[in-house]
N, C-alpha and C. Protein backbone atom coordinates (compact mmCIF):
# COMPACT_ATOMS: atom_id res chain seq x y z
N MET A 1 14.99 -52.36 11.27
CA MET A 1 15.97 -51.73 10.39
C MET A 1 15.45 -50.41 9.85
N GLY A 2 14.18 -50.38 9.41
CA GLY A 2 13.59 -49.16 8.87
C GLY A 2 13.55 -48.04 9.90
N PHE A 3 13.33 -48.42 11.18
CA PHE A 3 13.29 -47.44 12.26
C PHE A 3 14.64 -46.73 12.40
N TYR A 4 15.74 -47.49 12.38
CA TYR A 4 17.07 -46.91 12.53
C TYR A 4 17.44 -46.04 11.33
N LEU A 5 17.10 -46.51 10.15
CA LEU A 5 17.40 -45.74 8.94
C LEU A 5 16.62 -44.43 8.95
N ARG A 6 15.36 -44.49 9.34
CA ARG A 6 14.53 -43.29 9.40
C ARG A 6 15.11 -42.30 10.43
N ASN A 7 15.50 -42.79 11.60
CA ASN A 7 16.09 -41.92 12.63
C ASN A 7 17.42 -41.33 12.17
N LEU A 8 18.20 -42.14 11.47
CA LEU A 8 19.47 -41.64 10.94
C LEU A 8 19.23 -40.50 9.95
N LEU A 9 18.28 -40.70 9.04
CA LEU A 9 17.94 -39.65 8.08
C LEU A 9 17.42 -38.40 8.78
N LEU A 10 16.59 -38.58 9.80
CA LEU A 10 16.06 -37.45 10.56
C LEU A 10 17.20 -36.70 11.24
N MET A 11 18.14 -37.45 11.83
CA MET A 11 19.27 -36.83 12.50
C MET A 11 20.14 -36.04 11.52
N LEU A 12 20.37 -36.60 10.34
CA LEU A 12 21.14 -35.89 9.31
C LEU A 12 20.43 -34.62 8.87
N CYS A 13 19.12 -34.69 8.71
CA CYS A 13 18.36 -33.51 8.32
C CYS A 13 18.43 -32.44 9.39
N LEU A 14 18.30 -32.84 10.66
CA LEU A 14 18.36 -31.87 11.75
C LEU A 14 19.74 -31.24 11.85
N CYS A 15 20.79 -32.03 11.63
CA CYS A 15 22.15 -31.47 11.65
C CYS A 15 22.32 -30.45 10.54
N GLY A 16 21.82 -30.76 9.36
CA GLY A 16 21.90 -29.82 8.25
C GLY A 16 21.13 -28.56 8.53
N THR A 17 19.95 -28.69 9.15
CA THR A 17 19.14 -27.52 9.48
C THR A 17 19.82 -26.66 10.52
N SER A 18 20.43 -27.29 11.53
CA SER A 18 21.09 -26.49 12.56
C SER A 18 22.30 -25.76 12.00
N ALA A 19 22.97 -26.33 11.01
CA ALA A 19 24.10 -25.63 10.40
C ALA A 19 23.63 -24.37 9.69
N LEU A 20 22.47 -24.48 9.01
CA LEU A 20 21.94 -23.31 8.32
C LEU A 20 21.37 -22.28 9.28
N ALA A 21 21.03 -22.69 10.50
CA ALA A 21 20.42 -21.78 11.46
C ALA A 21 21.46 -21.04 12.29
N GLN A 22 22.74 -21.26 12.07
CA GLN A 22 23.77 -20.58 12.83
C GLN A 22 23.69 -19.08 12.61
N THR A 23 23.99 -18.32 13.65
CA THR A 23 23.98 -16.86 13.56
C THR A 23 25.38 -16.33 13.82
N PHE A 24 25.81 -15.42 12.96
CA PHE A 24 27.13 -14.81 13.05
C PHE A 24 26.93 -13.30 13.21
N ASN A 25 27.06 -12.81 14.43
CA ASN A 25 26.85 -11.40 14.73
C ASN A 25 28.09 -10.61 14.31
N ILE A 26 27.91 -9.60 13.48
CA ILE A 26 29.07 -8.85 12.98
C ILE A 26 29.83 -8.14 14.10
N ARG A 27 29.17 -7.84 15.22
CA ARG A 27 29.86 -7.22 16.36
C ARG A 27 30.90 -8.17 16.94
N GLU A 28 30.62 -9.46 16.90
CA GLU A 28 31.56 -10.46 17.43
C GLU A 28 32.80 -10.59 16.55
N TYR A 29 32.76 -10.02 15.36
CA TYR A 29 33.90 -10.06 14.44
C TYR A 29 34.59 -8.70 14.36
N GLY A 30 34.22 -7.78 15.25
CA GLY A 30 34.91 -6.50 15.34
C GLY A 30 34.19 -5.30 14.76
N ALA A 31 33.00 -5.46 14.23
CA ALA A 31 32.27 -4.31 13.66
C ALA A 31 31.79 -3.39 14.78
N LEU A 32 32.00 -2.11 14.61
CA LEU A 32 31.56 -1.11 15.58
C LEU A 32 30.39 -0.33 15.00
N ASN A 33 29.37 -0.12 15.82
CA ASN A 33 28.19 0.61 15.35
C ASN A 33 28.24 2.08 15.74
N ASP A 34 29.42 2.68 15.63
CA ASP A 34 29.58 4.07 16.03
C ASP A 34 29.35 5.07 14.90
N GLY A 35 29.13 4.58 13.68
CA GLY A 35 28.89 5.48 12.55
C GLY A 35 30.14 6.21 12.10
N LYS A 36 31.32 5.80 12.60
CA LYS A 36 32.58 6.46 12.23
C LYS A 36 33.61 5.47 11.69
N THR A 37 33.64 4.28 12.27
CA THR A 37 34.65 3.28 11.93
C THR A 37 34.21 2.48 10.70
N VAL A 38 35.13 2.30 9.74
CA VAL A 38 34.84 1.47 8.57
C VAL A 38 34.90 0.01 9.01
N CYS A 39 33.81 -0.70 8.82
CA CYS A 39 33.65 -2.07 9.34
C CYS A 39 33.69 -3.13 8.25
N THR A 40 34.14 -2.79 7.07
CA THR A 40 34.10 -3.73 5.94
C THR A 40 34.78 -5.06 6.29
N ALA A 41 35.98 -5.02 6.83
CA ALA A 41 36.73 -6.25 7.13
C ALA A 41 35.99 -7.11 8.15
N ALA A 42 35.43 -6.51 9.18
CA ALA A 42 34.71 -7.27 10.21
C ALA A 42 33.45 -7.90 9.64
N ILE A 43 32.71 -7.16 8.83
CA ILE A 43 31.49 -7.71 8.22
C ILE A 43 31.85 -8.86 7.29
N GLN A 44 32.94 -8.68 6.51
CA GLN A 44 33.36 -9.74 5.60
C GLN A 44 33.80 -10.98 6.36
N LYS A 45 34.47 -10.80 7.52
CA LYS A 45 34.87 -11.95 8.34
C LYS A 45 33.65 -12.74 8.80
N ALA A 46 32.58 -12.04 9.18
CA ALA A 46 31.35 -12.72 9.61
C ALA A 46 30.73 -13.48 8.44
N VAL A 47 30.68 -12.87 7.26
CA VAL A 47 30.14 -13.53 6.07
C VAL A 47 30.97 -14.76 5.73
N ASP A 48 32.30 -14.62 5.75
CA ASP A 48 33.18 -15.74 5.43
C ASP A 48 33.01 -16.89 6.42
N ALA A 49 32.91 -16.56 7.72
CA ALA A 49 32.72 -17.60 8.74
C ALA A 49 31.39 -18.32 8.53
N CYS A 50 30.37 -17.56 8.21
CA CYS A 50 29.05 -18.15 7.93
C CYS A 50 29.14 -19.12 6.76
N TYR A 51 29.76 -18.68 5.69
CA TYR A 51 29.90 -19.51 4.48
C TYR A 51 30.73 -20.77 4.77
N GLN A 52 31.85 -20.60 5.48
CA GLN A 52 32.74 -21.73 5.77
C GLN A 52 32.10 -22.75 6.71
N ASN A 53 31.10 -22.34 7.46
CA ASN A 53 30.40 -23.24 8.38
C ASN A 53 29.10 -23.78 7.79
N GLY A 54 28.96 -23.69 6.48
CA GLY A 54 27.81 -24.27 5.80
C GLY A 54 26.63 -23.35 5.60
N GLY A 55 26.78 -22.10 6.00
CA GLY A 55 25.70 -21.13 5.81
C GLY A 55 24.99 -20.79 7.09
N GLY A 56 24.07 -19.85 6.98
CA GLY A 56 23.33 -19.39 8.14
C GLY A 56 22.97 -17.93 8.00
N ARG A 57 22.96 -17.25 9.13
CA ARG A 57 22.52 -15.86 9.17
C ARG A 57 23.64 -14.97 9.67
N VAL A 58 23.96 -13.93 8.90
CA VAL A 58 24.90 -12.89 9.34
C VAL A 58 24.03 -11.77 9.89
N TYR A 59 24.13 -11.55 11.18
CA TYR A 59 23.24 -10.64 11.90
C TYR A 59 23.87 -9.26 12.04
N VAL A 60 23.12 -8.24 11.61
CA VAL A 60 23.54 -6.85 11.76
C VAL A 60 22.62 -6.22 12.81
N PRO A 61 23.15 -5.97 14.03
CA PRO A 61 22.30 -5.39 15.08
C PRO A 61 22.05 -3.90 14.84
N ALA A 62 21.21 -3.32 15.66
CA ALA A 62 20.90 -1.90 15.53
C ALA A 62 22.18 -1.07 15.65
N GLY A 63 22.24 0.00 14.90
CA GLY A 63 23.38 0.89 14.89
C GLY A 63 23.78 1.20 13.47
N GLN A 64 24.71 2.12 13.33
CA GLN A 64 25.17 2.54 12.01
C GLN A 64 26.56 1.96 11.76
N PHE A 65 26.67 1.14 10.72
CA PHE A 65 27.91 0.46 10.38
C PHE A 65 28.40 0.98 9.03
N ILE A 66 29.55 1.64 9.01
CA ILE A 66 30.14 2.16 7.77
C ILE A 66 30.79 0.98 7.05
N THR A 67 30.55 0.87 5.74
CA THR A 67 31.14 -0.24 5.01
C THR A 67 31.45 0.13 3.56
N GLY A 68 32.45 -0.56 3.03
CA GLY A 68 32.73 -0.55 1.60
C GLY A 68 32.11 -1.82 1.04
N THR A 69 32.77 -2.44 0.08
CA THR A 69 32.23 -3.63 -0.58
C THR A 69 32.33 -4.87 0.30
N VAL A 70 31.20 -5.56 0.48
CA VAL A 70 31.13 -6.83 1.19
C VAL A 70 30.65 -7.88 0.20
N HIS A 71 31.35 -9.01 0.12
CA HIS A 71 31.00 -10.11 -0.78
C HIS A 71 30.07 -11.08 -0.06
N LEU A 72 28.82 -11.16 -0.50
CA LEU A 72 27.91 -12.17 0.03
C LEU A 72 28.16 -13.48 -0.70
N LYS A 73 28.01 -14.59 0.01
CA LYS A 73 28.33 -15.91 -0.55
C LYS A 73 27.14 -16.84 -0.42
N SER A 74 27.25 -18.00 -1.04
CA SER A 74 26.16 -18.98 -1.03
C SER A 74 25.73 -19.33 0.38
N ASN A 75 24.41 -19.52 0.53
CA ASN A 75 23.78 -19.95 1.78
C ASN A 75 23.92 -18.95 2.91
N VAL A 76 24.08 -17.68 2.57
CA VAL A 76 24.20 -16.62 3.56
C VAL A 76 22.97 -15.73 3.51
N ASN A 77 22.38 -15.51 4.68
CA ASN A 77 21.27 -14.57 4.84
C ASN A 77 21.81 -13.39 5.64
N LEU A 78 21.91 -12.23 5.01
CA LEU A 78 22.31 -11.01 5.71
C LEU A 78 21.05 -10.43 6.33
N CYS A 79 20.99 -10.42 7.65
CA CYS A 79 19.78 -10.00 8.37
C CYS A 79 20.04 -8.69 9.10
N LEU A 80 19.35 -7.63 8.68
CA LEU A 80 19.50 -6.32 9.30
C LEU A 80 18.34 -6.08 10.27
N GLU A 81 18.68 -5.99 11.55
CA GLU A 81 17.69 -5.74 12.59
C GLU A 81 17.08 -4.35 12.40
N SER A 82 15.90 -4.14 12.92
CA SER A 82 15.29 -2.82 12.90
C SER A 82 16.25 -1.84 13.58
N GLY A 83 16.53 -0.74 12.93
CA GLY A 83 17.47 0.24 13.46
C GLY A 83 18.90 0.03 12.98
N ALA A 84 19.16 -1.06 12.27
CA ALA A 84 20.50 -1.31 11.72
C ALA A 84 20.63 -0.59 10.38
N VAL A 85 21.78 0.04 10.17
CA VAL A 85 22.04 0.74 8.91
C VAL A 85 23.42 0.34 8.41
N LEU A 86 23.48 -0.21 7.19
CA LEU A 86 24.76 -0.37 6.50
C LEU A 86 24.92 0.91 5.70
N LEU A 87 25.85 1.75 6.11
CA LEU A 87 26.06 3.06 5.50
C LEU A 87 27.27 3.00 4.59
N GLY A 88 27.09 3.35 3.33
CA GLY A 88 28.19 3.36 2.39
C GLY A 88 29.31 4.28 2.84
N SER A 89 30.53 3.81 2.76
CA SER A 89 31.68 4.60 3.15
C SER A 89 31.79 5.85 2.28
N PRO A 90 32.21 6.97 2.86
CA PRO A 90 32.42 8.18 2.06
C PRO A 90 33.70 8.13 1.25
N ASN A 91 34.51 7.08 1.43
CA ASN A 91 35.80 6.97 0.75
C ASN A 91 35.69 5.95 -0.39
N LEU A 92 35.85 6.40 -1.62
CA LEU A 92 35.74 5.52 -2.78
C LEU A 92 36.75 4.37 -2.73
N GLN A 93 37.87 4.57 -2.02
CA GLN A 93 38.89 3.53 -1.91
C GLN A 93 38.39 2.29 -1.15
N ASP A 94 37.29 2.44 -0.40
CA ASP A 94 36.75 1.32 0.36
C ASP A 94 35.88 0.39 -0.49
N TYR A 95 35.69 0.74 -1.75
CA TYR A 95 34.86 -0.06 -2.65
C TYR A 95 35.72 -0.77 -3.68
N GLU A 96 35.29 -1.97 -4.05
CA GLU A 96 35.90 -2.65 -5.19
C GLU A 96 35.02 -2.35 -6.38
N SER A 97 35.63 -2.23 -7.55
CA SER A 97 34.80 -1.96 -8.73
C SER A 97 34.69 -3.23 -9.56
N TYR A 98 33.55 -3.36 -10.22
CA TYR A 98 33.26 -4.51 -11.05
C TYR A 98 32.76 -3.99 -12.38
N THR A 99 33.39 -4.41 -13.45
CA THR A 99 32.99 -3.96 -14.77
C THR A 99 31.94 -4.90 -15.33
N LYS A 100 30.82 -4.33 -15.72
CA LYS A 100 29.77 -5.13 -16.35
C LYS A 100 30.19 -5.39 -17.78
N ALA A 101 30.22 -6.64 -18.15
CA ALA A 101 30.67 -7.03 -19.48
C ALA A 101 29.90 -6.30 -20.56
N GLY A 102 30.62 -5.77 -21.52
CA GLY A 102 30.00 -5.15 -22.68
C GLY A 102 29.74 -3.67 -22.54
N TYR A 103 29.68 -3.17 -21.31
CA TYR A 103 29.36 -1.76 -21.13
C TYR A 103 30.58 -0.92 -20.77
N GLY A 104 31.62 -1.53 -20.22
CA GLY A 104 32.81 -0.79 -19.85
C GLY A 104 32.58 0.18 -18.71
N ILE A 105 31.57 -0.08 -17.90
CA ILE A 105 31.26 0.80 -16.78
C ILE A 105 31.61 0.05 -15.50
N ASN A 106 32.28 0.72 -14.58
CA ASN A 106 32.61 0.10 -13.31
C ASN A 106 31.51 0.37 -12.31
N TYR A 107 31.08 -0.67 -11.61
CA TYR A 107 30.08 -0.56 -10.56
C TYR A 107 30.78 -0.63 -9.22
N TYR A 108 30.40 0.24 -8.31
CA TYR A 108 30.93 0.22 -6.95
C TYR A 108 29.78 -0.14 -6.04
N GLY A 109 29.82 -1.32 -5.45
CA GLY A 109 28.68 -1.77 -4.66
C GLY A 109 29.00 -2.00 -3.20
N ILE A 110 28.00 -1.77 -2.35
CA ILE A 110 28.13 -2.09 -0.94
C ILE A 110 28.05 -3.60 -0.77
N LEU A 111 27.05 -4.22 -1.39
CA LEU A 111 26.89 -5.67 -1.34
C LEU A 111 27.13 -6.23 -2.73
N TYR A 112 27.95 -7.26 -2.81
CA TYR A 112 28.29 -7.87 -4.09
C TYR A 112 28.16 -9.38 -3.96
N THR A 113 27.59 -10.00 -4.97
CA THR A 113 27.58 -11.46 -5.02
C THR A 113 27.64 -11.90 -6.47
N ALA A 114 28.36 -12.98 -6.71
CA ALA A 114 28.47 -13.53 -8.06
C ALA A 114 28.54 -15.05 -7.95
N ASP A 115 27.90 -15.73 -8.88
CA ASP A 115 27.94 -17.19 -8.94
C ASP A 115 27.57 -17.83 -7.61
N ALA A 116 26.60 -17.28 -6.92
CA ALA A 116 26.19 -17.80 -5.62
C ALA A 116 24.73 -18.26 -5.68
N GLU A 117 24.35 -19.05 -4.69
CA GLU A 117 22.96 -19.47 -4.60
C GLU A 117 22.51 -19.39 -3.15
N ASN A 118 21.21 -19.31 -2.95
CA ASN A 118 20.63 -19.22 -1.61
C ASN A 118 21.17 -18.02 -0.83
N VAL A 119 21.29 -16.89 -1.49
CA VAL A 119 21.73 -15.66 -0.86
C VAL A 119 20.50 -14.81 -0.61
N SER A 120 20.38 -14.25 0.59
CA SER A 120 19.22 -13.41 0.86
C SER A 120 19.59 -12.26 1.78
N ILE A 121 18.76 -11.23 1.74
CA ILE A 121 18.86 -10.09 2.64
C ILE A 121 17.50 -9.98 3.31
N SER A 122 17.49 -9.93 4.64
CA SER A 122 16.22 -9.88 5.35
C SER A 122 16.29 -8.89 6.49
N GLY A 123 15.15 -8.67 7.11
CA GLY A 123 15.08 -7.76 8.24
C GLY A 123 14.48 -6.43 7.85
N SER A 124 14.40 -5.54 8.80
CA SER A 124 13.79 -4.24 8.53
C SER A 124 14.79 -3.11 8.69
N GLY A 125 16.08 -3.42 8.62
CA GLY A 125 17.11 -2.39 8.66
C GLY A 125 17.21 -1.66 7.34
N ALA A 126 18.26 -0.89 7.16
CA ALA A 126 18.41 -0.07 5.95
C ALA A 126 19.80 -0.22 5.34
N ILE A 127 19.85 -0.09 4.02
CA ILE A 127 21.11 0.03 3.29
C ILE A 127 21.11 1.43 2.73
N ASP A 128 22.04 2.24 3.19
CA ASP A 128 22.09 3.66 2.81
C ASP A 128 23.31 3.87 1.92
N GLY A 129 23.09 4.21 0.65
CA GLY A 129 24.18 4.43 -0.29
C GLY A 129 25.05 5.63 0.02
N ASN A 130 24.62 6.51 0.94
CA ASN A 130 25.40 7.66 1.39
C ASN A 130 25.79 8.58 0.25
N ASN A 131 24.86 8.83 -0.66
CA ASN A 131 25.19 9.64 -1.83
C ASN A 131 25.53 11.07 -1.49
N LYS A 132 25.08 11.57 -0.36
CA LYS A 132 25.28 12.98 -0.05
C LYS A 132 26.75 13.38 -0.03
N VAL A 133 27.65 12.43 0.23
CA VAL A 133 29.07 12.76 0.24
C VAL A 133 29.67 12.78 -1.16
N PHE A 134 28.95 12.23 -2.14
CA PHE A 134 29.47 12.17 -3.50
C PHE A 134 28.83 13.19 -4.44
N LEU A 135 27.76 13.82 -4.02
CA LEU A 135 27.05 14.75 -4.89
C LEU A 135 27.51 16.18 -4.65
N THR A 136 27.49 16.97 -5.72
CA THR A 136 28.03 18.33 -5.62
C THR A 136 26.97 19.41 -5.54
N SER A 137 25.71 19.11 -5.87
CA SER A 137 24.69 20.15 -5.80
C SER A 137 23.58 19.71 -4.88
N ALA A 138 22.69 20.63 -4.55
CA ALA A 138 21.59 20.34 -3.63
C ALA A 138 20.48 19.55 -4.31
N THR A 139 20.49 19.46 -5.63
CA THR A 139 19.45 18.73 -6.35
C THR A 139 20.01 17.39 -6.79
N PRO A 140 19.73 16.31 -6.04
CA PRO A 140 20.33 15.01 -6.35
C PRO A 140 20.16 14.53 -7.78
N LYS A 141 19.00 14.76 -8.40
CA LYS A 141 18.78 14.25 -9.75
C LYS A 141 19.69 14.91 -10.77
N ARG A 142 20.18 16.10 -10.47
CA ARG A 142 21.03 16.80 -11.42
C ARG A 142 22.48 16.89 -10.93
N SER A 143 22.76 16.24 -9.85
CA SER A 143 24.10 16.32 -9.28
C SER A 143 25.08 15.45 -10.03
N THR A 144 26.33 15.76 -9.84
CA THR A 144 27.39 14.95 -10.43
C THR A 144 28.27 14.44 -9.30
N PRO A 145 28.88 13.29 -9.46
CA PRO A 145 29.74 12.75 -8.42
C PRO A 145 30.95 13.65 -8.18
N THR A 146 31.36 13.77 -6.91
CA THR A 146 32.56 14.53 -6.61
C THR A 146 33.79 13.66 -6.74
N ALA A 147 33.60 12.35 -6.67
CA ALA A 147 34.74 11.44 -6.79
C ALA A 147 35.27 11.50 -8.22
N PRO A 148 36.60 11.39 -8.37
CA PRO A 148 37.16 11.49 -9.71
C PRO A 148 36.72 10.34 -10.61
N ALA A 149 36.37 10.66 -11.82
CA ALA A 149 36.00 9.63 -12.80
C ALA A 149 37.03 9.65 -13.91
N SER A 150 37.59 8.50 -14.20
CA SER A 150 38.56 8.41 -15.28
C SER A 150 37.92 7.63 -16.42
N PRO A 151 38.53 7.64 -17.62
CA PRO A 151 37.94 6.92 -18.74
C PRO A 151 37.67 5.47 -18.37
N GLY A 152 36.46 5.01 -18.66
CA GLY A 152 36.08 3.64 -18.34
C GLY A 152 35.62 3.44 -16.92
N LYS A 153 35.69 4.48 -16.08
CA LYS A 153 35.24 4.37 -14.70
C LYS A 153 34.17 5.40 -14.45
N LYS A 154 33.20 5.03 -13.66
CA LYS A 154 32.09 5.93 -13.39
C LYS A 154 31.41 5.49 -12.11
N ILE A 155 30.97 6.44 -11.33
CA ILE A 155 30.15 6.08 -10.19
C ILE A 155 28.73 5.95 -10.71
N ILE A 156 28.15 4.80 -10.54
CA ILE A 156 26.82 4.53 -11.08
C ILE A 156 25.76 5.03 -10.11
N THR A 157 24.76 5.68 -10.64
CA THR A 157 23.62 6.06 -9.82
C THR A 157 22.52 5.05 -10.10
N ALA A 158 22.28 4.18 -9.15
CA ALA A 158 21.34 3.07 -9.36
C ALA A 158 19.95 3.46 -8.91
N MET A 159 18.98 3.10 -9.70
CA MET A 159 17.60 3.29 -9.28
C MET A 159 17.15 2.06 -8.52
N TRP A 160 16.35 2.27 -7.50
CA TRP A 160 15.88 1.14 -6.70
C TRP A 160 15.14 0.14 -7.58
N LYS A 161 14.43 0.61 -8.61
CA LYS A 161 13.72 -0.30 -9.50
C LYS A 161 14.69 -1.23 -10.21
N GLN A 162 15.87 -0.71 -10.57
CA GLN A 162 16.86 -1.56 -11.22
C GLN A 162 17.37 -2.62 -10.26
N VAL A 163 17.62 -2.22 -9.02
CA VAL A 163 18.12 -3.17 -8.03
C VAL A 163 17.05 -4.23 -7.77
N SER A 164 15.80 -3.80 -7.62
CA SER A 164 14.76 -4.78 -7.31
C SER A 164 14.50 -5.71 -8.49
N ALA A 165 14.74 -5.25 -9.70
CA ALA A 165 14.58 -6.13 -10.86
C ALA A 165 15.65 -7.22 -10.85
N MET A 166 16.86 -6.88 -10.37
CA MET A 166 17.93 -7.87 -10.30
C MET A 166 17.72 -8.80 -9.12
N ALA A 167 17.19 -8.29 -8.04
CA ALA A 167 17.05 -9.07 -6.81
C ALA A 167 15.75 -8.72 -6.12
N PRO A 168 14.65 -9.36 -6.50
CA PRO A 168 13.36 -8.98 -5.94
C PRO A 168 13.29 -9.09 -4.42
N TRP A 169 14.09 -9.95 -3.81
CA TRP A 169 14.07 -10.08 -2.36
C TRP A 169 14.58 -8.82 -1.69
N CYS A 170 15.43 -8.04 -2.35
CA CYS A 170 15.93 -6.79 -1.75
C CYS A 170 14.77 -5.84 -1.47
N ARG A 171 13.91 -5.66 -2.46
CA ARG A 171 12.83 -4.69 -2.35
C ARG A 171 11.86 -5.06 -1.24
N ARG A 172 11.60 -6.35 -1.06
CA ARG A 172 10.60 -6.77 -0.09
C ARG A 172 11.12 -6.77 1.33
N THR A 173 12.39 -7.02 1.57
CA THR A 173 12.84 -7.29 2.93
C THR A 173 13.82 -6.28 3.51
N VAL A 174 14.32 -5.38 2.74
CA VAL A 174 15.25 -4.38 3.27
C VAL A 174 14.80 -3.00 2.83
N ARG A 175 14.65 -2.13 3.79
CA ARG A 175 14.30 -0.75 3.47
C ARG A 175 15.59 -0.08 3.01
N ALA A 176 15.56 0.53 1.86
CA ALA A 176 16.76 1.17 1.33
C ALA A 176 16.54 2.67 1.21
N ARG A 177 17.51 3.44 1.64
CA ARG A 177 17.43 4.89 1.52
C ARG A 177 18.43 5.35 0.48
N TRP A 178 18.16 6.45 -0.14
CA TRP A 178 19.02 7.08 -1.15
C TRP A 178 19.13 6.22 -2.40
N LEU A 179 18.15 5.35 -2.61
CA LEU A 179 18.21 4.51 -3.79
C LEU A 179 17.07 4.77 -4.76
N SER A 180 16.10 5.55 -4.36
CA SER A 180 15.03 5.85 -5.30
C SER A 180 15.53 6.90 -6.28
N SER A 181 14.93 6.93 -7.44
CA SER A 181 15.37 7.85 -8.50
C SER A 181 16.82 7.54 -8.86
N ALA A 182 17.62 8.59 -8.95
CA ALA A 182 19.03 8.42 -9.32
C ALA A 182 19.89 9.04 -8.24
N THR A 183 19.78 8.52 -7.04
CA THR A 183 20.44 9.20 -5.93
C THR A 183 21.44 8.37 -5.15
N ALA A 184 21.83 7.21 -5.65
CA ALA A 184 22.85 6.44 -4.94
C ALA A 184 24.20 6.73 -5.56
N ASN A 185 25.24 6.80 -4.72
CA ASN A 185 26.58 7.00 -5.26
C ASN A 185 27.11 5.71 -5.85
N THR A 186 26.53 4.58 -5.44
CA THR A 186 26.97 3.28 -5.94
C THR A 186 25.74 2.43 -6.19
N CYS A 187 25.94 1.31 -6.84
CA CYS A 187 24.87 0.31 -6.87
C CYS A 187 24.96 -0.39 -5.53
N SER A 188 23.96 -0.30 -4.71
CA SER A 188 24.06 -0.89 -3.38
C SER A 188 24.11 -2.40 -3.42
N CYS A 189 23.47 -3.02 -4.39
CA CYS A 189 23.53 -4.47 -4.55
C CYS A 189 24.01 -4.76 -5.97
N VAL A 190 25.19 -5.34 -6.10
CA VAL A 190 25.70 -5.74 -7.41
C VAL A 190 25.62 -7.25 -7.45
N ILE A 191 24.80 -7.77 -8.37
CA ILE A 191 24.51 -9.20 -8.41
C ILE A 191 24.76 -9.72 -9.81
N PHE A 192 25.67 -10.68 -9.94
CA PHE A 192 25.99 -11.26 -11.23
C PHE A 192 25.81 -12.77 -11.20
N ARG A 193 25.23 -13.33 -12.25
CA ARG A 193 25.14 -14.78 -12.47
C ARG A 193 24.63 -15.55 -11.26
N CYS A 194 23.63 -15.04 -10.60
CA CYS A 194 23.07 -15.74 -9.44
C CYS A 194 21.68 -16.24 -9.74
């Protein structure tokens, strides 16, 4: 009897592990790595499929993928291959804004997660905030956003140190460009209550 129970438990554990090991390639959901097409919907479809199937890895292959806001969910590992770039869309309309309670400031993020667990970003790819399309002068630290700002709305310039303080795994596993100092047009990772 103990033998069968032990094998049953082992089989259940292996089934659970294989569910978490599933890979969802964003190209299979319609994402194009041409550096021109906005791939937000395709990337989100891959994340949603991963989440609905119990979790796993959302794979971003080499290439440049333009994106607005993508919602990461529980048990999802966003894995950026070497040479993969999630490039922030130059169009502010491609981002959802999130107001941080108490501050009245809207954050526009490429990656967003709230109330989730077991969320990770891995690989040696890059998340590029694409600030050059939002800045008006040649000196990024003194530049102002070109996108219109209305009362209560603002494009946040996030420092990489702030992002890494919220999510230490970001700093260790994903190379980020345009995030040091005050040079991102958005907060590349917006993380709440995780």
